[in-house]
PDB file of N, CA and C in Angstrom:
ATOM      1  N   MET A   1      18.293  -7.117  -1.657  1.00  0.00           N
ATOM      2  CA  MET A   1      17.054  -7.700  -1.481  1.00  0.00           C
ATOM      3  C   MET A   1      16.093  -7.517  -2.670  1.00  0.00           C
ATOM      4  N   ASP A   2      15.087  -8.466  -2.753  1.00  0.00           N
ATOM      5  CA  ASP A   2      14.148  -8.202  -3.918  1.00  0.00           C
ATOM      6  C   ASP A   2      12.736  -7.591  -3.589  1.00  0.00           C
ATOM      7  N   GLU A   3      12.844  -6.586  -2.705  1.00  0.00           N
ATOM      8  CA  GLU A   3      11.785  -5.580  -2.570  1.00  0.00           C
ATOM      9  C   GLU A   3      11.260  -4.830  -3.864  1.00  0.00           C
ATOM     10  N   ARG A   4      10.058  -4.733  -3.661  1.00  0.00           N
ATOM     11  CA  ARG A   4       9.474  -3.928  -4.775  1.00  0.00           C
ATOM     12  C   ARG A   4       8.524  -2.829  -4.174  1.00  0.00           C
ATOM     13  N   LEU A   5       8.430  -1.611  -4.897  1.00  0.00           N
ATOM     14  CA  LEU A   5       7.660  -0.496  -4.761  1.00  0.00           C
ATOM     15  C   LEU A   5       6.352  -0.869  -5.288  1.00  0.00           C
ATOM     16  N   LEU A   6       5.275  -0.652  -4.233  1.00  0.00           N
ATOM     17  CA  LEU A   6       3.587  -0.926  -4.577  1.00  0.00           C
ATOM     18  C   LEU A   6       3.021   0.265  -4.245  1.00  0.00           C
ATOM     19  N   MET A   7       1.943   0.603  -5.162  1.00  0.00           N
ATOM     20  CA  MET A   7       1.021   1.555  -4.677  1.00  0.00           C
ATOM     21  C   MET A   7      -0.384   0.938  -4.396  1.00  0.00           C
ATOM     22  N   VAL A   8      -0.815   1.118  -3.150  1.00  0.00           N
ATOM     23  CA  VAL A   8      -2.413   0.323  -2.977  1.00  0.00           C
ATOM     24  C   VAL A   8      -3.258   1.316  -2.756  1.00  0.00           C
ATOM     25  N   THR A   9      -4.247   1.281  -3.753  1.00  0.00           N
ATOM     26  CA  THR A   9      -5.652   2.163  -3.400  1.00  0.00           C
ATOM     27  C   THR A   9      -6.656   1.306  -3.341  1.00  0.00           C
ATOM     28  N   TYR A  10      -7.570   1.979  -2.651  1.00  0.00           N
ATOM     29  CA  TYR A  10      -8.875   1.189  -2.301  1.00  0.00           C
ATOM     30  C   TYR A  10     -10.102   1.807  -2.075  1.00  0.00           C
ATOM     31  N   ASP A  11     -11.185   1.298  -2.760  1.00  0.00           N
ATOM     32  CA  ASP A  11     -12.501   2.000  -2.305  1.00  0.00           C
ATOM     33  C   ASP A  11     -13.437   0.874  -1.749  1.00  0.00           C
ATOM     34  N   ILE A  12     -13.673   1.323  -0.374  1.00  0.00           N
ATOM     35  CA  ILE A  12     -14.443   0.390   0.468  1.00  0.00           C
ATOM     36  C   ILE A  12     -15.735   0.956   0.716  1.00  0.00           C
ATOM     37  N   ALA A  13     -16.867   0.251   0.680  1.00  0.00           N
ATOM     38  CA  ALA A  13     -18.320   0.832   0.744  1.00  0.00           C
ATOM     39  C   ALA A  13     -18.782   0.841   2.009  1.00  0.00           C
ATOM     40  N   ASP A  14     -18.446   0.089   2.939  1.00  0.00           N
ATOM     41  CA  ASP A  14     -18.830   0.168   4.465  1.00  0.00           C
ATOM     42  C   ASP A  14     -17.647   0.884   5.048  1.00  0.00           C
ATOM     43  N   GLN A  15     -18.071   1.711   6.051  1.00  0.00           N
ATOM     44  CA  GLN A  15     -17.153   2.550   6.692  1.00  0.00           C
ATOM     45  C   GLN A  15     -16.452   1.532   7.880  1.00  0.00           C
ATOM     46  N   LYS A  16     -17.090   0.680   8.466  1.00  0.00           N
ATOM     47  CA  LYS A  16     -16.486  -0.222   9.316  1.00  0.00           C
ATOM     48  C   LYS A  16     -15.264  -0.844   8.638  1.00  0.00           C
ATOM     49  N   ARG A  17     -15.560  -1.535   7.309  1.00  0.00           N
ATOM     50  CA  ARG A  17     -14.625  -2.248   6.622  1.00  0.00           C
ATOM     51  C   ARG A  17     -13.366  -1.389   6.056  1.00  0.00           C
ATOM     52  N   TRP A  18     -13.981  -0.265   5.980  1.00  0.00           N
ATOM     53  CA  TRP A  18     -12.854   0.776   5.626  1.00  0.00           C
ATOM     54  C   TRP A  18     -11.735   0.946   6.793  1.00  0.00           C
ATOM     55  N   ARG A  19     -12.208   1.276   7.738  1.00  0.00           N
ATOM     56  CA  ARG A  19     -11.254   1.551   9.156  1.00  0.00           C
ATOM     57  C   ARG A  19     -10.493   0.184   9.108  1.00  0.00           C
ATOM     58  N   SER A  20     -11.131  -1.188   9.126  1.00  0.00           N
ATOM     59  CA  SER A  20     -10.242  -2.118   9.117  1.00  0.00           C
ATOM     60  C   SER A  20      -8.973  -2.156   8.005  1.00  0.00           C
ATOM     61  N   VAL A  21      -9.682  -1.820   6.811  1.00  0.00           N
ATOM     62  CA  VAL A  21      -8.470  -1.808   5.673  1.00  0.00           C
ATOM     63  C   VAL A  21      -7.339  -0.833   6.230  1.00  0.00           C
ATOM     64  N   PHE A  22      -8.022   0.189   6.384  1.00  0.00           N
ATOM     65  CA  PHE A  22      -6.952   1.624   6.794  1.00  0.00           C
ATOM     66  C   PHE A  22      -6.057   1.110   7.926  1.00  0.00           C
ATOM     67  N   SER A  23      -6.594   0.545   8.938  1.00  0.00           N
ATOM     68  CA  SER A  23      -5.629   0.230  10.105  1.00  0.00           C
ATOM     69  C   SER A  23      -4.636  -0.760   9.774  1.00  0.00           C
ATOM     70  N   PHE A  24      -5.089  -1.880   8.807  1.00  0.00           N
ATOM     71  CA  PHE A  24      -4.297  -2.847   8.433  1.00  0.00           C
ATOM     72  C   PHE A  24      -3.276  -2.465   7.483  1.00  0.00           C
ATOM     73  N   MET A  25      -3.374  -1.581   6.727  1.00  0.00           N
ATOM     74  CA  MET A  25      -2.655  -0.959   5.605  1.00  0.00           C
ATOM     75  C   MET A  25      -1.280  -0.224   6.503  1.00  0.00           C
ATOM     76  N   LYS A  26      -1.768   0.356   7.345  1.00  0.00           N
ATOM     77  CA  LYS A  26      -0.680   1.286   8.122  1.00  0.00           C
ATOM     78  C   LYS A  26       0.620   0.423   8.695  1.00  0.00           C
ATOM     79  N   GLY A  27       0.140  -1.014   8.863  1.00  0.00           N
ATOM     80  CA  GLY A  27       1.487  -1.839   9.257  1.00  0.00           C
ATOM     81  C   GLY A  27       2.159  -2.307   7.877  1.00  0.00           C
ATOM     82  N   TYR A  28       1.694  -2.032   6.729  1.00  0.00           N
ATOM     83  CA  TYR A  28       2.425  -2.315   5.453  1.00  0.00           C
ATOM     84  C   TYR A  28       2.880  -1.225   4.606  1.00  0.00           C
ATOM     85  N   GLY A  29       2.579   0.010   4.929  1.00  0.00           N
ATOM     86  CA  GLY A  29       3.223   0.930   4.432  1.00  0.00           C
ATOM     87  C   GLY A  29       3.024   2.172   4.639  1.00  0.00           C
ATOM     88  N   GLU A  30       3.309   3.417   3.956  1.00  0.00           N
ATOM     89  CA  GLU A  30       3.221   4.809   4.219  1.00  0.00           C
ATOM     90  C   GLU A  30       1.812   5.156   3.508  1.00  0.00           C
ATOM     91  N   TRP A  31       1.163   5.924   4.398  1.00  0.00           N
ATOM     92  CA  TRP A  31      -0.076   6.567   4.274  1.00  0.00           C
ATOM     93  C   TRP A  31       0.115   7.780   3.387  1.00  0.00           C
ATOM     94  N   LEU A  32      -0.462   7.876   1.984  1.00  0.00           N
ATOM     95  CA  LEU A  32      -0.303   9.014   1.259  1.00  0.00           C
ATOM     96  C   LEU A  32      -1.494   9.852   1.196  1.00  0.00           C
ATOM     97  N   GLN A  33      -2.594   9.216   0.970  1.00  0.00           N
ATOM     98  CA  GLN A  33      -3.910   9.965   0.934  1.00  0.00           C
ATOM     99  C   GLN A  33      -5.000   9.204   1.577  1.00  0.00           C
ATOM    100  N   LEU A  34      -6.056   9.466   1.596  1.00  0.00           N
ATOM    101  CA  LEU A  34      -7.290   8.979   2.082  1.00  0.00           C
ATOM    102  C   LEU A  34      -7.414   7.288   2.204  1.00  0.00           C
ATOM    103  N   SER A  35      -7.250   6.826   0.778  1.00  0.00           N
ATOM    104  CA  SER A  35      -7.323   5.316   0.608  1.00  0.00           C
ATOM    105  C   SER A  35      -5.990   5.115  -0.314  1.00  0.00           C
ATOM    106  N   VAL A  36      -4.745   5.791  -0.041  1.00  0.00           N
ATOM    107  CA  VAL A  36      -3.841   5.384  -0.811  1.00  0.00           C
ATOM    108  C   VAL A  36      -2.432   5.076  -0.019  1.00  0.00           C
ATOM    109  N   PHE A  37      -1.726   3.819  -0.466  1.00  0.00           N
ATOM    110  CA  PHE A  37      -0.641   3.705   0.735  1.00  0.00           C
ATOM    111  C   PHE A  37       0.630   3.435  -0.445  1.00  0.00           C
ATOM    112  N   GLN A  38       1.712   3.840  -0.127  1.00  0.00           N
ATOM    113  CA  GLN A  38       2.964   3.375  -0.728  1.00  0.00           C
ATOM    114  C   GLN A  38       3.628   2.249   0.019  1.00  0.00           C
ATOM    115  N   CYS A  39       3.932   1.257  -0.695  1.00  0.00           N
ATOM    116  CA  CYS A  39       4.510   0.165   0.161  1.00  0.00           C
ATOM    117  C   CYS A  39       5.740  -0.419  -0.395  1.00  0.00           C
ATOM    118  N   ARG A  40       6.760  -0.804   0.531  1.00  0.00           N
ATOM    119  CA  ARG A  40       8.118  -1.510  -0.052  1.00  0.00           C
ATOM    120  C   ARG A  40       8.049  -2.770   0.429  1.00  0.00           C
ATOM    121  N   LEU A  41       7.866  -3.695  -0.411  1.00  0.00           N
ATOM    122  CA  LEU A  41       7.446  -5.197   0.349  1.00  0.00           C
ATOM    123  C   LEU A  41       8.364  -6.232  -0.636  1.00  0.00           C
ATOM    124  N   SER A  42       8.695  -7.196   0.353  1.00  0.00           N
ATOM    125  CA  SER A  42       9.300  -8.329  -0.200  1.00  0.00           C
ATOM    126  C   SER A  42       7.963  -9.281  -0.790  1.00  0.00           C
ATOM    127  N   PRO A  43       8.548 -10.196  -1.381  1.00  0.00           N
ATOM    128  CA  PRO A  43       7.238 -11.082  -1.994  1.00  0.00           C
ATOM    129  C   PRO A  43       6.507 -11.796  -1.026  1.00  0.00           C
ATOM    130  N   LYS A  44       7.315 -12.155  -0.018  1.00  0.00           N
ATOM    131  CA  LYS A  44       6.380 -12.909   1.112  1.00  0.00           C
ATOM    132  C   LYS A  44       5.391 -12.119   1.830  1.00  0.00           C
ATOM    133  N   ARG A  45       5.991 -10.761   2.067  1.00  0.00           N
ATOM    134  CA  ARG A  45       4.865  -9.675   2.499  1.00  0.00           C
ATOM    135  C   ARG A  45       3.802  -9.038   1.567  1.00  0.00           C
ATOM    136  N   ARG A  46       4.253  -9.214   0.444  1.00  0.00           N
ATOM    137  CA  ARG A  46       3.130  -8.827  -0.546  1.00  0.00           C
ATOM    138  C   ARG A  46       2.033 -10.022  -0.550  1.00  0.00           C
ATOM    139  N   ALA A  47       2.318 -11.144  -0.567  1.00  0.00           N
ATOM    140  CA  ALA A  47       1.398 -12.307  -0.478  1.00  0.00           C
ATOM    141  C   ALA A  47       0.645 -12.319   0.777  1.00  0.00           C
ATOM    142  N   GLU A  48       1.141 -11.876   1.891  1.00  0.00           N
ATOM    143  CA  GLU A  48       0.520 -11.696   3.064  1.00  0.00           C
ATOM    144  C   GLU A  48      -0.421 -10.525   3.004  1.00  0.00           C
ATOM    145  N   LEU A  49       0.042  -9.423   2.360  1.00  0.00           N
ATOM    146  CA  LEU A  49      -0.820  -8.399   2.219  1.00  0.00           C
ATOM    147  C   LEU A  49      -2.169  -8.502   1.326  1.00  0.00           C
ATOM    148  N   ILE A  50      -1.902  -9.435   0.232  1.00  0.00           N
ATOM    149  CA  ILE A  50      -3.195  -9.681  -0.605  1.00  0.00           C
ATOM    150  C   ILE A  50      -3.924 -10.658  -0.091  1.00  0.00           C
ATOM    151  N   ALA A  51      -3.580 -11.550   0.707  1.00  0.00           N
ATOM    152  CA  ALA A  51      -4.285 -12.735   1.488  1.00  0.00           C
ATOM    153  C   ALA A  51      -5.172 -11.942   2.409  1.00  0.00           C
ATOM    154  N   THR A  52      -4.675 -11.110   3.306  1.00  0.00           N
ATOM    155  CA  THR A  52      -5.323 -10.261   4.332  1.00  0.00           C
ATOM    156  C   THR A  52      -6.342  -9.586   3.873  1.00  0.00           C
ATOM    157  N   LEU A  53      -6.060  -8.456   2.682  1.00  0.00           N
ATOM    158  CA  LEU A  53      -6.996  -7.959   2.092  1.00  0.00           C
ATOM    159  C   LEU A  53      -8.081  -8.465   1.534  1.00  0.00           C
ATOM    160  N   ASP A  54      -7.756  -9.790   0.987  1.00  0.00           N
ATOM    161  CA  ASP A  54      -8.661 -10.623   0.216  1.00  0.00           C
ATOM    162  C   ASP A  54      -9.964 -10.882   1.223  1.00  0.00           C
ATOM    163  N   GLN A  55      -9.378 -11.135   2.437  1.00  0.00           N
ATOM    164  CA  GLN A  55     -10.044 -11.596   3.642  1.00  0.00           C
ATOM    165  C   GLN A  55     -11.190 -10.436   4.204  1.00  0.00           C
ATOM    166  N   LEU A  56     -10.542  -9.219   4.330  1.00  0.00           N
ATOM    167  CA  LEU A  56     -11.065  -8.071   4.676  1.00  0.00           C
ATOM    168  C   LEU A  56     -12.208  -7.529   3.881  1.00  0.00           C
ATOM    169  N   ILE A  57     -12.085  -7.400   2.631  1.00  0.00           N
ATOM    170  CA  ILE A  57     -13.158  -6.770   1.769  1.00  0.00           C
ATOM    171  C   ILE A  57     -14.266  -7.694   1.183  1.00  0.00           C
ATOM    172  N   HIS A  58     -15.424  -6.987   0.845  1.00  0.00           N
ATOM    173  CA  HIS A  58     -16.700  -7.774   0.552  1.00  0.00           C
ATOM    174  C   HIS A  58     -16.284  -7.561  -0.933  1.00  0.00           C
ATOM    175  N   HIS A  59     -16.066  -8.896  -1.740  1.00  0.00           N
ATOM    176  CA  HIS A  59     -15.993  -8.695  -3.235  1.00  0.00           C
ATOM    177  C   HIS A  59     -17.089  -8.330  -3.987  1.00  0.00           C
ATOM    178  N   GLN A  60     -18.195  -8.035  -3.602  1.00  0.00           N
ATOM    179  CA  GLN A  60     -19.462  -7.594  -4.438  1.00  0.00           C
ATOM    180  C   GLN A  60     -19.104  -6.053  -4.408  1.00  0.00           C
ATOM    181  N   GLU A  61     -18.662  -5.366  -3.474  1.00  0.00           N
ATOM    182  CA  GLU A  61     -18.921  -4.091  -2.995  1.00  0.00           C
ATOM    183  C   GLU A  61     -17.619  -3.224  -3.088  1.00  0.00           C
ATOM    184  N   ASP A  62     -16.591  -3.882  -2.697  1.00  0.00           N
ATOM    185  CA  ASP A  62     -15.331  -3.188  -2.616  1.00  0.00           C
ATOM    186  C   ASP A  62     -14.484  -3.275  -3.625  1.00  0.00           C
ATOM    187  N   HIS A  63     -13.205  -2.630  -3.718  1.00  0.00           N
ATOM    188  CA  HIS A  63     -12.229  -2.566  -4.808  1.00  0.00           C
ATOM    189  C   HIS A  63     -11.046  -2.118  -4.366  1.00  0.00           C
ATOM    190  N   VAL A  64      -9.750  -3.128  -4.476  1.00  0.00           N
ATOM    191  CA  VAL A  64      -8.527  -2.766  -4.166  1.00  0.00           C
ATOM    192  C   VAL A  64      -7.640  -2.840  -5.383  1.00  0.00           C
ATOM    193  N   LEU A  65      -6.733  -1.964  -5.532  1.00  0.00           N
ATOM    194  CA  LEU A  65      -5.994  -2.023  -6.517  1.00  0.00           C
ATOM    195  C   LEU A  65      -4.435  -1.898  -6.185  1.00  0.00           C
ATOM    196  N   ILE A  66      -3.601  -2.703  -6.590  1.00  0.00           N
ATOM    197  CA  ILE A  66      -2.165  -3.107  -6.242  1.00  0.00           C
ATOM    198  C   ILE A  66      -1.327  -2.779  -7.352  1.00  0.00           C
ATOM    199  N   PHE A  67      -0.607  -1.614  -7.618  1.00  0.00           N
ATOM    200  CA  PHE A  67       0.231  -1.008  -8.650  1.00  0.00           C
ATOM    201  C   PHE A  67       1.486  -1.739  -8.341  1.00  0.00           C
ATOM    202  N   ASP A  68       2.309  -2.309  -9.048  1.00  0.00           N
ATOM    203  CA  ASP A  68       3.756  -2.698  -9.116  1.00  0.00           C
ATOM    204  C   ASP A  68       4.539  -1.742  -9.878  1.00  0.00           C
ATOM    205  N   LEU A  69       5.271  -1.123  -9.001  1.00  0.00           N
ATOM    206  CA  LEU A  69       6.109   0.085  -9.643  1.00  0.00           C
ATOM    207  C   LEU A  69       7.398  -0.556 -10.203  1.00  0.00           C
ATOM    208  N   GLY A  70       7.705  -1.622  -9.533  1.00  0.00           N
ATOM    209  CA  GLY A  70       9.034  -2.158  -9.817  1.00  0.00           C
ATOM    210  C   GLY A  70       9.982  -2.290  -8.578  1.00  0.00           C
ATOM    211  N   PRO A  71      11.245  -2.917  -8.841  1.00  0.00           N
ATOM    212  CA  PRO A  71      12.200  -3.010  -7.924  1.00  0.00           C
ATOM    213  C   PRO A  71      12.590  -1.784  -7.243  1.00  0.00           C
ATOM    214  N   VAL A  72      12.623  -1.904  -5.965  1.00  0.00           N
ATOM    215  CA  VAL A  72      12.958  -0.541  -5.276  1.00  0.00           C
ATOM    216  C   VAL A  72      14.552  -0.195  -5.422  1.00  0.00           C
ATOM    217  N   ALA A  73      15.370  -1.260  -5.614  1.00  0.00           N
ATOM    218  CA  ALA A  73      16.733  -0.888  -5.803  1.00  0.00           C
ATOM    219  C   ALA A  73      16.867  -0.045  -7.155  1.00  0.00           C
ATOM    220  N   SER A  74      16.001  -0.161  -8.136  1.00  0.00           N
ATOM    221  CA  SER A  74      16.315   0.239  -9.484  1.00  0.00           C
ATOM    222  C   SER A  74      15.187   1.316 -10.045  1.00  0.00           C
ATOM    223  N   VAL A  75      13.933   1.338  -9.200  1.00  0.00           N
ATOM    224  CA  VAL A  75      12.876   2.346  -9.759  1.00  0.00           C
ATOM    225  C   VAL A  75      13.041   3.684  -9.059  1.00  0.00           C
ATOM    226  N   THR A  76      12.736   4.487  -9.825  1.00  0.00           N
ATOM    227  CA  THR A  76      12.564   5.881  -9.566  1.00  0.00           C
ATOM    228  C   THR A  76      11.241   6.387 -10.082  1.00  0.00           C
ATOM    229  N   PRO A  77      10.257   6.543  -9.005  1.00  0.00           N
ATOM    230  CA  PRO A  77       8.998   6.739  -9.684  1.00  0.00           C
ATOM    231  C   PRO A  77       8.983   8.090 -10.166  1.00  0.00           C
ATOM    232  N   ARG A  78       8.216   8.303 -11.226  1.00  0.00           N
ATOM    233  CA  ARG A  78       7.847   9.670 -12.035  1.00  0.00           C
ATOM    234  C   ARG A  78       6.559  10.056 -11.662  1.00  0.00           C
ATOM    235  N   VAL A  79       6.594  11.033 -10.688  1.00  0.00           N
ATOM    236  CA  VAL A  79       5.478  11.474 -10.065  1.00  0.00           C
ATOM    237  C   VAL A  79       5.116  12.911 -10.245  1.00  0.00           C
ATOM    238  N   THR A  80       4.125  13.361 -10.587  1.00  0.00           N
ATOM    239  CA  THR A  80       3.682  14.876 -10.629  1.00  0.00           C
ATOM    240  C   THR A  80       2.923  14.848  -9.310  1.00  0.00           C
ATOM    241  N   SER A  81       3.416  15.851  -8.288  1.00  0.00           N
ATOM    242  CA  SER A  81       2.763  15.956  -7.201  1.00  0.00           C
ATOM    243  C   SER A  81       2.351  17.605  -6.869  1.00  0.00           C
ATOM    244  N   LEU A  82       1.133  17.757  -6.686  1.00  0.00           N
ATOM    245  CA  LEU A  82       0.672  19.214  -6.489  1.00  0.00           C
ATOM    246  C   LEU A  82       0.205  19.287  -5.027  1.00  0.00           C
ATOM    247  N   GLY A  83       0.752  20.368  -4.341  1.00  0.00           N
ATOM    248  CA  GLY A  83       0.403  20.499  -3.021  1.00  0.00           C
ATOM    249  C   GLY A  83       1.699  19.969  -2.300  1.00  0.00           C
ATOM    250  N   LYS A  84       1.357  19.056  -1.242  1.00  0.00           N
ATOM    251  CA  LYS A  84       2.367  18.383  -0.458  1.00  0.00           C
ATOM    252  C   LYS A  84       3.350  17.730  -1.470  1.00  0.00           C
ATOM    253  N   GLU A  85       4.672  17.795  -0.731  1.00  0.00           N
ATOM    254  CA  GLU A  85       5.629  17.053  -1.508  1.00  0.00           C
ATOM    255  C   GLU A  85       5.506  15.436  -1.382  1.00  0.00           C
ATOM    256  N   PHE A  86       6.046  14.822  -2.591  1.00  0.00           N
ATOM    257  CA  PHE A  86       5.868  13.404  -2.626  1.00  0.00           C
ATOM    258  C   PHE A  86       7.401  12.892  -2.654  1.00  0.00           C
ATOM    259  N   SER A  87       7.729  11.737  -1.675  1.00  0.00           N
ATOM    260  CA  SER A  87       8.989  11.098  -1.836  1.00  0.00           C
ATOM    261  C   SER A  87       8.747   9.610  -1.735  1.00  0.00           C
ATOM    262  N   ALA A  88       9.434   9.064  -2.621  1.00  0.00           N
ATOM    263  CA  ALA A  88       9.402   7.525  -2.481  1.00  0.00           C
ATOM    264  C   ALA A  88       9.861   7.056  -1.127  1.00  0.00           C
ATOM    265  N   ILE A  89       9.166   5.813  -0.890  1.00  0.00           N
ATOM    266  CA  ILE A  89       9.258   5.289   0.658  1.00  0.00           C
ATOM    267  C   ILE A  89      10.882   4.803   0.565  1.00  0.00           C
ATOM    268  N   SER A  90      11.468   5.035   1.630  1.00  0.00           N
ATOM    269  CA  SER A  90      12.682   4.479   1.773  1.00  0.00           C
ATOM    270  C   SER A  90      12.905   3.426   2.994  1.00  0.00           C
ATOM    271  N   ARG A  91      13.968   2.492   2.904  1.00  0.00           N
ATOM    272  CA  ARG A  91      13.910   1.473   3.922  1.00  0.00           C
ATOM    273  C   ARG A  91      14.603   2.163   5.190  1.00  0.00           C
ATOM    274  N   ALA A  92      13.825   1.690   6.148  1.00  0.00           N
ATOM    275  CA  ALA A  92      14.359   2.232   7.165  1.00  0.00           C
ATOM    276  C   ALA A  92      13.980   1.125   8.495  1.00  0.00           C
ATOM    277  N   ALA A  93      14.828   1.180   9.424  1.00  0.00           N
ATOM    278  CA  ALA A  93      14.573   0.340  10.782  1.00  0.00           C
ATOM    279  C   ALA A  93      13.619   0.889  11.672  1.00  0.00           C
ATOM    280  N   ILE A  94      12.874  -0.223  12.114  1.00  0.00           N
ATOM    281  CA  ILE A  94      11.709   0.141  13.049  1.00  0.00           C
ATOM    282  C   ILE A  94      12.231  -0.399  14.397  1.00  0.00           C
ATOM    283  N   VAL A  95      12.216   0.147  15.143  1.00  0.00           N
ATOM    284  CA  VAL A  95      12.597  -0.247  16.655  1.00  0.00           C
ATOM    285  C   VAL A  95      11.192  -0.653  17.470  1.00  0.00           C
ATOM    286  N   ILE A  96      11.094  -1.682  17.853  1.00  0.00           N
ATOM    287  CA  ILE A  96       9.669  -2.079  18.879  1.00  0.00           C
ATOM    288  C   ILE A  96      10.138  -2.202  20.127  1.00  0.00           C
TER     289      ILE A  96
END
């Protein structure tokens, strides 16, 4: 599969918009910190993520950064973690 490991971080000026972005992001990745998510996404899911975030934010007040860390099959993130342990998101089946 051609999934990539992404880190998404955001600074949303309005609390209501922040909650909308946070709720939306929970469907795309693993919540790491207040406004930081780790995502494992295919190109299609990445495009969906960007398109929806583009609609949710106010472009004059908000800021979203998406860091592409590389292909999940070959990337090993080098992270210094103080406090809670960090581990790269793994592929897992979700039963609905």
